């Protein structure tokens, strides 16, 4: 297996994640809210230090945030010495088969998650990415991405309730004390928490029913631990799945060049 030296950059709707891969191993990660340039600059510099003595380093970026992407790319170049930055899909295709409508535009993070999960599992799987939005996607046993479902994430649901209902307070997502909320805050948290779990459960069952393949369920994203830790439906939680997908993308491209 080709070992990559890589600074992986994943620009999300709310956060940017960095991952330094040294000889194929993920040795450091950092996550920062978009717009906090000073902290992100420090993280870029510190992560890149792990790779400075390597002569085959690649910086590979993915993005689902067209507004934030140019600024973060500029920060990378300003802080790392005008380095060459490659982009997934634009420069290096994500190594996952696709069965989608011809006009479909799929977020790079969903495809990267799928590529990383299938690379390890080599079987049908569902990937749940719980971030600003929550996506629930199906990959079949042959490694083909079929798409899935998109819904508002936990915090987005709470924000929407506050913004659209005058008597509902502003609050942050936390695991509810119990399913029956005995006050407004706990009722809101219970509705979002158990509603998202129920949605994922229903979708996994529907995917299995429609495809005849009962998949393993992998969760990732900023809210994955809060929503799905110790949930019997979810086989494993992989916090760095998107970063691993970027590494898989580069490794597969290098192996294809060597073949």
C-alpha atoms as a PDB file:
ATOM      1  CA  UNK A   1       0.000   0.000   0.000  1.00  0.00           C
ATOM      2  CA  UNK A   2       1.362   3.411  -0.991  1.00  0.00           C
ATOM      3  CA  UNK A   3       2.133   5.590   2.021  1.00  0.00           C
ATOM      4  CA  UNK A   4       1.169   9.222   1.560  1.00  0.00           C
ATOM      5  CA  UNK A   5       2.549  12.396   3.101  1.00  0.00           C
ATOM      6  CA  UNK A   6      -0.402  14.707   3.086  1.00  0.00           C
ATOM      7  CA  UNK A   7      -1.992  17.754   4.622  1.00  0.00           C
ATOM      8  CA  UNK A   8      -5.694  17.075   4.148  1.00  0.00           C
ATOM      9  CA  UNK A   9      -8.024  20.085   4.319  1.00  0.00           C
ATOM     10  CA  UNK A  10     -11.786  19.658   4.528  1.00  0.00           C
ATOM     11  CA  UNK A  11     -13.796  22.897   4.324  1.00  0.00           C
ATOM     12  CA  UNK A  12     -17.288  22.357   5.703  1.00  0.00           C
ATOM     13  CA  UNK A  13     -20.331  24.540   6.027  1.00  0.00           C
ATOM     14  CA  UNK A  14     -19.414  25.587   9.563  1.00  0.00           C
ATOM     15  CA  UNK A  15     -15.923  24.226  10.271  1.00  0.00           C
ATOM     16  CA  UNK A  16     -12.648  23.454   8.549  1.00  0.00           C
ATOM     17  CA  UNK A  17     -10.760  20.292   9.488  1.00  0.00           C
ATOM     18  CA  UNK A  18      -7.064  19.635   8.973  1.00  0.00           C
ATOM     19  CA  UNK A  19      -5.281  16.299   9.046  1.00  0.00           C
ATOM     20  CA  UNK A  20      -1.542  15.631   8.764  1.00  0.00           C
ATOM     21  CA  UNK A  21      -0.722  12.183   7.347  1.00  0.00           C
ATOM     22  CA  UNK A  22       2.910  11.089   7.725  1.00  0.00           C
ATOM     23  CA  UNK A  23       3.865   7.940   5.829  1.00  0.00           C
ATOM     24  CA  UNK A  24       0.189   7.087   5.597  1.00  0.00           C
ATOM     25  CA  UNK A  25      -0.647   7.546   9.269  1.00  0.00           C
ATOM     26  CA  UNK A  26      -2.901  10.319  10.552  1.00  0.00           C
ATOM     27  CA  UNK A  27      -0.705  11.935  13.204  1.00  0.00           C
ATOM     28  CA  UNK A  28      -2.554  15.166  13.937  1.00  0.00           C
ATOM     29  CA  UNK A  29      -5.972  16.730  13.414  1.00  0.00           C
ATOM     30  CA  UNK A  30      -7.434  20.143  14.103  1.00  0.00           C
ATOM     31  CA  UNK A  31     -10.927  21.584  13.703  1.00  0.00           C
ATOM     32  CA  UNK A  32     -11.841  25.264  13.680  1.00  0.00           C
ATOM     33  CA  UNK A  33     -14.950  27.304  13.046  1.00  0.00           C
ATOM     34  CA  UNK A  34     -14.834  29.089   9.699  1.00  0.00           C
ATOM     35  CA  UNK A  35     -14.099  32.789  10.112  1.00  0.00           C
ATOM     36  CA  UNK A  36     -11.652  32.380  13.016  1.00  0.00           C
ATOM     37  CA  UNK A  37      -8.624  33.047  10.830  1.00  0.00           C
ATOM     38  CA  UNK A  38      -5.987  33.444  13.558  1.00  0.00           C
ATOM     39  CA  UNK A  39      -6.639  30.060  15.134  1.00  0.00           C
ATOM     40  CA  UNK A  40      -6.910  28.383  11.742  1.00  0.00           C
ATOM     41  CA  UNK A  41      -3.563  29.883  10.674  1.00  0.00           C
ATOM     42  CA  UNK A  42      -1.890  28.528  13.801  1.00  0.00           C
ATOM     43  CA  UNK A  43      -3.385  25.100  13.156  1.00  0.00           C
ATOM     44  CA  UNK A  44      -2.216  25.106   9.531  1.00  0.00           C
ATOM     45  CA  UNK A  45       1.342  25.973  10.509  1.00  0.00           C
ATOM     46  CA  UNK A  46       1.489  23.474  13.370  1.00  0.00           C
ATOM     47  CA  UNK A  47       0.019  20.633  11.279  1.00  0.00           C
ATOM     48  CA  UNK A  48       2.401  21.309   8.408  1.00  0.00           C
ATOM     49  CA  UNK A  49       5.410  21.130  10.748  1.00  0.00           C
ATOM     50  CA  UNK A  50       4.821  17.389  10.913  1.00  0.00           C
ATOM     51  CA  UNK A  51       5.530  17.211   7.160  1.00  0.00           C
ATOM     52  CA  UNK A  52       8.312  19.733   6.534  1.00  0.00           C
ATOM     53  CA  UNK A  53      11.090  17.139   6.272  1.00  0.00           C
ATOM     54  CA  UNK A  54       9.199  15.171   3.597  1.00  0.00           C
ATOM     55  CA  UNK A  55       9.935  15.873  -0.069  1.00  0.00           C
ATOM     56  CA  UNK A  56       6.729  14.377  -1.478  1.00  0.00           C
ATOM     57  CA  UNK A  57       4.122  16.285   0.528  1.00  0.00           C
ATOM     58  CA  UNK A  58       0.752  16.968  -1.091  1.00  0.00           C
ATOM     59  CA  UNK A  59      -1.807  19.473   0.168  1.00  0.00           C
ATOM     60  CA  UNK A  60      -5.214  18.240  -0.921  1.00  0.00           C
ATOM     61  CA  UNK A  61      -8.353  20.238  -0.237  1.00  0.00           C
ATOM     62  CA  UNK A  62     -12.023  19.382  -0.377  1.00  0.00           C
ATOM     63  CA  UNK A  63     -14.857  21.848   0.119  1.00  0.00           C
ATOM     64  CA  UNK A  64     -18.617  22.066   0.368  1.00  0.00           C
ATOM     65  CA  UNK A  65     -18.459  25.792   1.126  1.00  0.00           C
ATOM     66  CA  UNK A  66     -17.781  27.855  -2.002  1.00  0.00           C
ATOM     67  CA  UNK A  67     -17.806  31.117  -0.022  1.00  0.00           C
ATOM     68  CA  UNK A  68     -15.173  30.035   2.517  1.00  0.00           C
ATOM     69  CA  UNK A  69     -12.935  28.023   0.200  1.00  0.00           C
ATOM     70  CA  UNK A  70     -10.975  30.901  -1.473  1.00  0.00           C
ATOM     71  CA  UNK A  71     -10.169  32.542   1.852  1.00  0.00           C
ATOM     72  CA  UNK A  72      -8.942  29.289   3.386  1.00  0.00           C
ATOM     73  CA  UNK A  73      -6.857  28.512   0.301  1.00  0.00           C
ATOM     74  CA  UNK A  74      -5.270  31.976   0.577  1.00  0.00           C
ATOM     75  CA  UNK A  75      -4.538  31.388   4.272  1.00  0.00           C
ATOM     76  CA  UNK A  76      -2.831  28.104   3.397  1.00  0.00           C
ATOM     77  CA  UNK A  77      -0.592  29.771   0.831  1.00  0.00           C
ATOM     78  CA  UNK A  78       0.188  32.762   3.035  1.00  0.00           C
ATOM     79  CA  UNK A  79       1.108  30.597   6.026  1.00  0.00           C
ATOM     80  CA  UNK A  80       2.821  27.674   4.317  1.00  0.00           C
ATOM     81  CA  UNK A  81       4.896  29.528   1.713  1.00  0.00           C
ATOM     82  CA  UNK A  82       2.790  29.715  -1.443  1.00  0.00           C
ATOM     83  CA  UNK A  83       2.508  25.934  -1.639  1.00  0.00           C
ATOM     84  CA  UNK A  84       0.790  24.062  -4.465  1.00  0.00           C
ATOM     85  CA  UNK A  85      -2.710  23.053  -3.428  1.00  0.00           C
ATOM     86  CA  UNK A  86      -4.651  20.350  -5.211  1.00  0.00           C
ATOM     87  CA  UNK A  87      -8.416  19.871  -5.049  1.00  0.00           C
ATOM     88  CA  UNK A  88     -10.410  16.662  -4.908  1.00  0.00           C
ATOM     89  CA  UNK A  89     -12.601  16.048  -7.948  1.00  0.00           C
ATOM     90  CA  UNK A  90     -11.136  19.064  -9.798  1.00  0.00           C
ATOM     91  CA  UNK A  91      -7.576  17.671  -9.807  1.00  0.00           C
ATOM     92  CA  UNK A  92      -7.898  14.175  -8.339  1.00  0.00           C
ATOM     93  CA  UNK A  93     -11.163  12.200  -8.622  1.00  0.00           C
ATOM     94  CA  UNK A  94     -12.643  10.607  -5.537  1.00  0.00           C
ATOM     95  CA  UNK A  95     -12.326   6.812  -5.994  1.00  0.00           C
ATOM     96  CA  UNK A  96     -15.938   5.722  -5.532  1.00  0.00           C
ATOM     97  CA  UNK A  97     -18.424   4.420  -8.092  1.00  0.00           C
ATOM     98  CA  UNK A  98     -21.645   6.382  -8.458  1.00  0.00           C
ATOM     99  CA  UNK A  99     -25.205   5.552  -9.400  1.00  0.00           C
ATOM    100  CA  UNK A 100     -26.948   8.915  -9.439  1.00  0.00           C
ATOM    101  CA  UNK A 101     -29.205  10.986 -11.636  1.00  0.00           C
ATOM    102  CA  UNK A 102     -27.217  12.617 -14.476  1.00  0.00           C
ATOM    103  CA  UNK A 103     -27.803  16.137 -13.140  1.00  0.00           C
ATOM    104  CA  UNK A 104     -27.010  15.260  -9.517  1.00  0.00           C
ATOM    105  CA  UNK A 105     -24.420  17.365  -7.693  1.00  0.00           C
ATOM    106  CA  UNK A 106     -23.137  15.616  -4.578  1.00  0.00           C
ATOM    107  CA  UNK A 107     -21.089  17.221  -1.820  1.00  0.00           C
ATOM    108  CA  UNK A 108     -17.464  16.130  -1.848  1.00  0.00           C
ATOM    109  CA  UNK A 109     -17.649  15.243   1.844  1.00  0.00           C
ATOM    110  CA  UNK A 110     -20.327  12.621   1.170  1.00  0.00           C
ATOM    111  CA  UNK A 111     -18.240  10.999  -1.565  1.00  0.00           C
ATOM    112  CA  UNK A 112     -15.067  11.115   0.535  1.00  0.00           C
ATOM    113  CA  UNK A 113     -16.875   9.505   3.480  1.00  0.00           C
ATOM    114  CA  UNK A 114     -18.138   6.774   1.161  1.00  0.00           C
ATOM    115  CA  UNK A 115     -14.707   6.124  -0.342  1.00  0.00           C
ATOM    116  CA  UNK A 116     -13.054   5.913   3.082  1.00  0.00           C
ATOM    117  CA  UNK A 117     -15.729   3.643   4.547  1.00  0.00           C
ATOM    118  CA  UNK A 118     -15.775   1.217   1.616  1.00  0.00           C
ATOM    119  CA  UNK A 119     -11.975   1.096   1.462  1.00  0.00           C
ATOM    120  CA  UNK A 120     -11.981  -0.415   4.964  1.00  0.00           C
ATOM    121  CA  UNK A 121     -15.243  -2.387   5.036  1.00  0.00           C
ATOM    122  CA  UNK A 122     -15.454  -3.755   1.476  1.00  0.00           C
ATOM    123  CA  UNK A 123     -19.177  -4.341   1.951  1.00  0.00           C
ATOM    124  CA  UNK A 124     -22.507  -2.531   1.858  1.00  0.00           C
ATOM    125  CA  UNK A 125     -22.652   0.308   4.334  1.00  0.00           C
ATOM    126  CA  UNK A 126     -24.596   3.374   5.373  1.00  0.00           C
ATOM    127  CA  UNK A 127     -22.647   6.503   6.253  1.00  0.00           C
ATOM    128  CA  UNK A 128     -24.291   9.004   8.592  1.00  0.00           C
ATOM    129  CA  UNK A 129     -22.535  12.379   8.618  1.00  0.00           C
ATOM    130  CA  UNK A 130     -23.944  14.484  11.451  1.00  0.00           C
ATOM    131  CA  UNK A 131     -22.890  18.087  10.998  1.00  0.00           C
ATOM    132  CA  UNK A 132     -24.655  21.310  10.017  1.00  0.00           C
ATOM    133  CA  UNK A 133     -26.806  19.054   7.863  1.00  0.00           C
ATOM    134  CA  UNK A 134     -27.155  15.344   8.503  1.00  0.00           C
ATOM    135  CA  UNK A 135     -26.709  13.032   5.527  1.00  0.00           C
ATOM    136  CA  UNK A 136     -27.534   9.342   5.415  1.00  0.00           C
ATOM    137  CA  UNK A 137     -25.982   7.662   2.367  1.00  0.00           C
ATOM    138  CA  UNK A 138     -25.899   4.125   0.971  1.00  0.00           C
ATOM    139  CA  UNK A 139     -22.907   2.371  -0.599  1.00  0.00           C
ATOM    140  CA  UNK A 140     -23.571  -1.078  -2.059  1.00  0.00           C
ATOM    141  CA  UNK A 141     -21.444  -4.191  -1.746  1.00  0.00           C
ATOM    142  CA  UNK A 142     -19.625  -3.416  -4.991  1.00  0.00           C
ATOM    143  CA  UNK A 143     -18.495  -0.008  -3.776  1.00  0.00           C
ATOM    144  CA  UNK A 144     -21.034   2.146  -5.615  1.00  0.00           C
ATOM    145  CA  UNK A 145     -22.406   5.300  -4.011  1.00  0.00           C
ATOM    146  CA  UNK A 146     -26.181   5.584  -4.506  1.00  0.00           C
ATOM    147  CA  UNK A 147     -26.916   8.806  -2.618  1.00  0.00           C
ATOM    148  CA  UNK A 148     -29.407   8.856   0.227  1.00  0.00           C
ATOM    149  CA  UNK A 149     -31.098  11.490   2.362  1.00  0.00           C
ATOM    150  CA  UNK A 150     -30.302  15.000   3.610  1.00  0.00           C
ATOM    151  CA  UNK A 151     -31.944  16.678   6.598  1.00  0.00           C
ATOM    152  CA  UNK A 152     -31.218  19.628   8.909  1.00  0.00           C
ATOM    153  CA  UNK A 153     -28.650  18.779  11.563  1.00  0.00           C
ATOM    154  CA  UNK A 154     -29.284  18.941  15.298  1.00  0.00           C
ATOM    155  CA  UNK A 155     -28.195  22.533  15.907  1.00  0.00           C
ATOM    156  CA  UNK A 156     -29.873  23.752  12.735  1.00  0.00           C
ATOM    157  CA  UNK A 157     -33.155  22.242  13.912  1.00  0.00           C
ATOM    158  CA  UNK A 158     -32.882  23.930  17.298  1.00  0.00           C
ATOM    159  CA  UNK A 159     -31.972  27.247  15.672  1.00  0.00           C
ATOM    160  CA  UNK A 160     -34.958  26.961  13.354  1.00  0.00           C
ATOM    161  CA  UNK A 161     -37.339  26.294  16.243  1.00  0.00           C
ATOM    162  CA  UNK A 162     -36.049  29.372  18.074  1.00  0.00           C
ATOM    163  CA  UNK A 163     -36.173  31.583  14.981  1.00  0.00           C
ATOM    164  CA  UNK A 164     -39.637  30.543  13.854  1.00  0.00           C
ATOM    165  CA  UNK A 165     -41.491  30.047  17.150  1.00  0.00           C
ATOM    166  CA  UNK A 166     -41.669  33.095  19.431  1.00  0.00           C
ATOM    167  CA  UNK A 167     -41.825  31.220  22.737  1.00  0.00           C
ATOM    168  CA  UNK A 168     -39.053  28.714  22.079  1.00  0.00           C
ATOM    169  CA  UNK A 169     -35.629  29.654  23.500  1.00  0.00           C
ATOM    170  CA  UNK A 170     -32.239  29.675  21.851  1.00  0.00           C
ATOM    171  CA  UNK A 171     -30.139  26.723  23.019  1.00  0.00           C
ATOM    172  CA  UNK A 172     -27.385  24.331  22.028  1.00  0.00           C
ATOM    173  CA  UNK A 173     -27.761  20.645  21.348  1.00  0.00           C
ATOM    174  CA  UNK A 174     -27.092  18.335  24.275  1.00  0.00           C
ATOM    175  CA  UNK A 175     -28.230  14.827  25.012  1.00  0.00           C
ATOM    176  CA  UNK A 176     -31.636  15.059  26.727  1.00  0.00           C
ATOM    177  CA  UNK A 177     -32.003  13.848  30.298  1.00  0.00           C
ATOM    178  CA  UNK A 178     -34.841  11.524  29.241  1.00  0.00           C
ATOM    179  CA  UNK A 179     -37.235  11.079  26.346  1.00  0.00           C
ATOM    180  CA  UNK A 180     -40.107  12.856  28.095  1.00  0.00           C
ATOM    181  CA  UNK A 181     -39.089  16.488  28.356  1.00  0.00           C
ATOM    182  CA  UNK A 182     -40.530  18.018  31.543  1.00  0.00           C
ATOM    183  CA  UNK A 183     -39.721  21.557  30.429  1.00  0.00           C
ATOM    184  CA  UNK A 184     -39.437  23.380  27.126  1.00  0.00           C
ATOM    185  CA  UNK A 185     -35.663  23.077  26.805  1.00  0.00           C
ATOM    186  CA  UNK A 186     -35.642  19.345  27.490  1.00  0.00           C
ATOM    187  CA  UNK A 187     -38.640  18.840  25.181  1.00  0.00           C
ATOM    188  CA  UNK A 188     -36.798  20.577  22.334  1.00  0.00           C
ATOM    189  CA  UNK A 189     -33.635  18.565  22.925  1.00  0.00           C
ATOM    190  CA  UNK A 190     -35.571  15.300  23.134  1.00  0.00           C
ATOM    191  CA  UNK A 191     -37.450  16.061  19.931  1.00  0.00           C
ATOM    192  CA  UNK A 192     -34.274  16.735  17.973  1.00  0.00           C
ATOM    193  CA  UNK A 193     -32.146  13.966  19.541  1.00  0.00           C
ATOM    194  CA  UNK A 194     -34.646  11.132  19.261  1.00  0.00           C
ATOM    195  CA  UNK A 195     -36.090  12.484  16.044  1.00  0.00           C
ATOM    196  CA  UNK A 196     -32.703  12.239  14.327  1.00  0.00           C
ATOM    197  CA  UNK A 197     -32.053   8.781  15.730  1.00  0.00           C
ATOM    198  CA  UNK A 198     -35.479   7.677  14.540  1.00  0.00           C
ATOM    199  CA  UNK A 199     -34.904   9.130  11.084  1.00  0.00           C
ATOM    200  CA  UNK A 200     -31.610   7.277  10.706  1.00  0.00           C
ATOM    201  CA  UNK A 201     -33.157   4.025  11.919  1.00  0.00           C
ATOM    202  CA  UNK A 202     -36.042   4.311   9.447  1.00  0.00           C
ATOM    203  CA  UNK A 203     -33.738   5.149   6.543  1.00  0.00           C
ATOM    204  CA  UNK A 204     -31.371   2.258   7.248  1.00  0.00           C
ATOM    205  CA  UNK A 205     -34.324  -0.131   7.280  1.00  0.00           C
ATOM    206  CA  UNK A 206     -35.672   1.340   4.035  1.00  0.00           C
ATOM    207  CA  UNK A 207     -32.260   1.149   2.350  1.00  0.00           C
ATOM    208  CA  UNK A 208     -31.960  -2.517   3.339  1.00  0.00           C
ATOM    209  CA  UNK A 209     -35.489  -3.261   2.167  1.00  0.00           C
ATOM    210  CA  UNK A 210     -35.030  -1.543  -1.208  1.00  0.00           C
ATOM    211  CA  UNK A 211     -31.582  -2.993  -1.967  1.00  0.00           C
ATOM    212  CA  UNK A 212     -31.707  -6.416  -0.328  1.00  0.00           C
ATOM    213  CA  UNK A 213     -28.430  -5.634   1.471  1.00  0.00           C
ATOM    214  CA  UNK A 214     -28.375  -5.042   5.212  1.00  0.00           C
ATOM    215  CA  UNK A 215     -25.511  -2.617   5.684  1.00  0.00           C
ATOM    216  CA  UNK A 216     -23.104  -1.762   8.439  1.00  0.00           C
ATOM    217  CA  UNK A 217     -23.757   1.746   9.771  1.00  0.00           C
ATOM    218  CA  UNK A 218     -20.875   4.192  10.188  1.00  0.00           C
ATOM    219  CA  UNK A 219     -21.321   7.607  11.820  1.00  0.00           C
ATOM    220  CA  UNK A 220     -19.076  10.634  11.479  1.00  0.00           C
ATOM    221  CA  UNK A 221     -19.306  14.419  11.828  1.00  0.00           C
ATOM    222  CA  UNK A 222     -19.218  16.854  14.708  1.00  0.00           C
ATOM    223  CA  UNK A 223     -22.417  15.591  16.353  1.00  0.00           C
ATOM    224  CA  UNK A 224     -21.838  11.864  15.776  1.00  0.00           C
ATOM    225  CA  UNK A 225     -20.678  11.057  19.304  1.00  0.00           C
ATOM    226  CA  UNK A 226     -23.459  13.036  20.947  1.00  0.00           C
ATOM    227  CA  UNK A 227     -26.206  11.517  18.793  1.00  0.00           C
ATOM    228  CA  UNK A 228     -25.030   7.954  18.246  1.00  0.00           C
ATOM    229  CA  UNK A 229     -22.645   6.869  21.000  1.00  0.00           C
ATOM    230  CA  UNK A 230     -23.879   3.545  22.450  1.00  0.00           C
ATOM    231  CA  UNK A 231     -26.706   3.428  19.901  1.00  0.00           C
ATOM    232  CA  UNK A 232     -27.139  -0.198  18.870  1.00  0.00           C
ATOM    233  CA  UNK A 233     -27.896   0.654  15.241  1.00  0.00           C
ATOM    234  CA  UNK A 234     -24.489   2.277  14.667  1.00  0.00           C
ATOM    235  CA  UNK A 235     -21.618  -0.169  14.274  1.00  0.00           C
ATOM    236  CA  UNK A 236     -18.838   2.378  14.695  1.00  0.00           C
ATOM    237  CA  UNK A 237     -18.158   6.091  14.959  1.00  0.00           C
ATOM    238  CA  UNK A 238     -15.218   7.356  12.882  1.00  0.00           C
ATOM    239  CA  UNK A 239     -14.538  11.040  13.623  1.00  0.00           C
ATOM    240  CA  UNK A 240     -11.906  11.444  10.884  1.00  0.00           C
ATOM    241  CA  UNK A 241     -13.743   9.709   8.063  1.00  0.00           C
ATOM    242  CA  UNK A 242     -13.654  12.671   5.639  1.00  0.00           C
ATOM    243  CA  UNK A 243      -9.934  13.233   6.228  1.00  0.00           C
ATOM    244  CA  UNK A 244      -9.340   9.522   5.677  1.00  0.00           C
ATOM    245  CA  UNK A 245     -11.295   9.850   2.440  1.00  0.00           C
ATOM    246  CA  UNK A 246      -8.929  12.580   1.257  1.00  0.00           C
ATOM    247  CA  UNK A 247      -5.964  10.316   2.061  1.00  0.00           C
ATOM    248  CA  UNK A 248      -7.623   7.399   0.247  1.00  0.00           C
ATOM    249  CA  UNK A 249      -8.181   9.639  -2.786  1.00  0.00           C
ATOM    250  CA  UNK A 250      -4.513  10.617  -2.965  1.00  0.00           C
ATOM    251  CA  UNK A 251      -3.234   7.101  -2.352  1.00  0.00           C
ATOM    252  CA  UNK A 252      -5.420   5.600  -5.062  1.00  0.00           C
ATOM    253  CA  UNK A 253      -4.264   8.272  -7.533  1.00  0.00           C
ATOM    254  CA  UNK A 254      -0.588   7.607  -6.741  1.00  0.00           C
ATOM    255  CA  UNK A 255      -1.084   3.848  -7.083  1.00  0.00           C
ATOM    256  CA  UNK A 256      -2.761   4.361 -10.452  1.00  0.00           C
ATOM    257  CA  UNK A 257       0.244   6.414 -11.627  1.00  0.00           C
ATOM    258  CA  UNK A 258       2.629   3.667 -10.516  1.00  0.00           C
ATOM    259  CA  UNK A 259       0.667   0.843 -12.167  1.00  0.00           C
END
